[in-house]
Protein backbone atom coordinates (compact mmCIF):
# COMPACT_ATOMS: atom_id res chain seq x y z
CA MET A 1 -0.08 -0.19 0.38
CA VAL A 2 1.10 3.94 -1.21
CA GLU A 3 -0.33 6.57 0.66
CA ILE A 4 0.25 9.91 0.31
CA PHE A 5 -0.93 13.06 2.62
CA VAL A 6 -2.41 16.10 0.42
CA MET A 7 -3.10 19.82 2.95
CA ASP A 8 -6.80 20.08 3.45
CA PHE A 9 -6.46 23.86 1.70
CA PRO A 10 -8.68 24.42 -1.62
CA GLU A 11 -5.46 25.10 -3.73
CA PHE A 12 -5.19 21.09 -2.89
CA ALA A 13 -8.69 19.91 -3.68
CA PRO A 14 -7.52 18.90 -7.52
CA ILE A 15 -5.24 17.08 -6.20
CA VAL A 16 -8.18 15.45 -4.36
CA GLN A 17 -10.33 15.32 -6.86
CA ASP A 18 -8.18 14.26 -9.88
CA ALA A 19 -7.26 10.97 -7.20
CA ARG A 20 -10.90 10.54 -7.23
CA ARG A 21 -11.44 10.82 -10.65
CA GLN A 22 -8.50 7.92 -11.14
CA GLY A 23 -10.12 6.06 -8.53
CA TYR A 24 -7.56 5.81 -5.28
CA GLN A 25 -8.89 5.47 -2.18
CA VAL A 26 -9.42 9.20 -0.34
CA GLU A 27 -10.21 9.63 3.33
CA GLY A 28 -10.10 12.81 5.37
CA PRO A 29 -9.37 15.59 5.64
CA GLY A 30 -8.63 14.14 8.94
CA GLU A 31 -6.55 16.65 11.57
CA GLY A 32 -6.14 19.10 8.34
CA LEU A 33 -4.41 16.46 5.97
CA TRP A 34 -6.52 14.09 3.40
CA SER A 35 -4.78 10.51 2.35
CA ILE A 36 -4.47 9.37 -0.73
CA SER A 37 -3.57 5.54 -1.48
CA ALA A 38 -3.48 2.82 -3.63
CA PRO A 39 -2.27 -0.84 -3.45
CA SER A 40 0.99 -0.41 -5.14
CA GLU A 41 1.30 2.60 -7.08
CA LEU A 42 -0.28 7.05 -7.01
CA ARG A 43 0.49 8.78 -9.87
CA PHE A 44 -0.33 12.33 -10.98
CA ASN A 45 0.41 14.72 -13.81
CA ARG A 46 0.52 18.21 -13.51
CA LYS A 47 -1.21 19.11 -16.57
CA GLU A 48 -4.49 17.28 -15.29
CA THR A 49 -5.30 18.77 -11.62
CA GLY A 50 -3.28 22.32 -13.08
CA LEU A 51 -1.83 22.91 -10.21
CA SER A 52 0.74 26.28 -10.27
CA ALA A 53 4.12 25.28 -10.32
CA ALA A 54 3.98 26.29 -6.61
CA LEU A 55 1.30 23.77 -5.49
CA TRP A 56 3.30 20.99 -7.43
CA ASN A 57 6.59 21.03 -5.70
CA THR A 58 5.09 21.22 -2.40
CA VAL A 59 1.95 18.96 -3.04
CA LEU A 60 4.09 16.02 -1.15
CA GLY A 61 5.18 17.94 1.48
CA PRO A 62 2.87 16.39 4.23
CA GLY A 63 4.10 13.10 3.69
CA VAL A 64 4.25 10.21 1.92
CA ASP A 65 4.19 6.51 2.43
CA GLY A 66 6.20 4.82 0.12
CA ARG A 67 9.05 5.64 -3.11
CA VAL A 68 9.04 8.77 -4.53
CA THR A 69 9.99 6.65 -7.67
CA LYS A 70 9.43 9.95 -10.04
CA PHE A 71 9.30 13.56 -9.51
CA ASP A 72 9.38 16.26 -11.84
CA ARG A 73 7.92 19.74 -13.28
CA PHE A 74 5.52 17.04 -15.14
CA GLU A 75 4.84 14.08 -13.04
CA PHE A 76 5.00 12.61 -10.28
CA THR A 77 4.65 8.88 -9.21
CA VAL A 78 5.14 7.22 -5.67
CA SER A 79 5.61 3.53 -5.19
CA GLU A 80 6.20 0.30 -2.86
CA ALA A 81 9.09 0.77 -1.09
């Protein structure tokens, strides 16, 4: 299982919406964070979320349970550790 935590701020709502669209498990918000998880991999595309570069670069700040296998200005992937 891999999991990321996303701040419960309106600016990050597009990540939560995209996670739901992709069928990932979304829980929260709890204690100011959303939890997004999947069995083996999470993958997000910046263009699909519409996040600005500044928000994109901070989206994983609250934490990751897994291994960040890709993170660039277009996409990030979190896989099993």
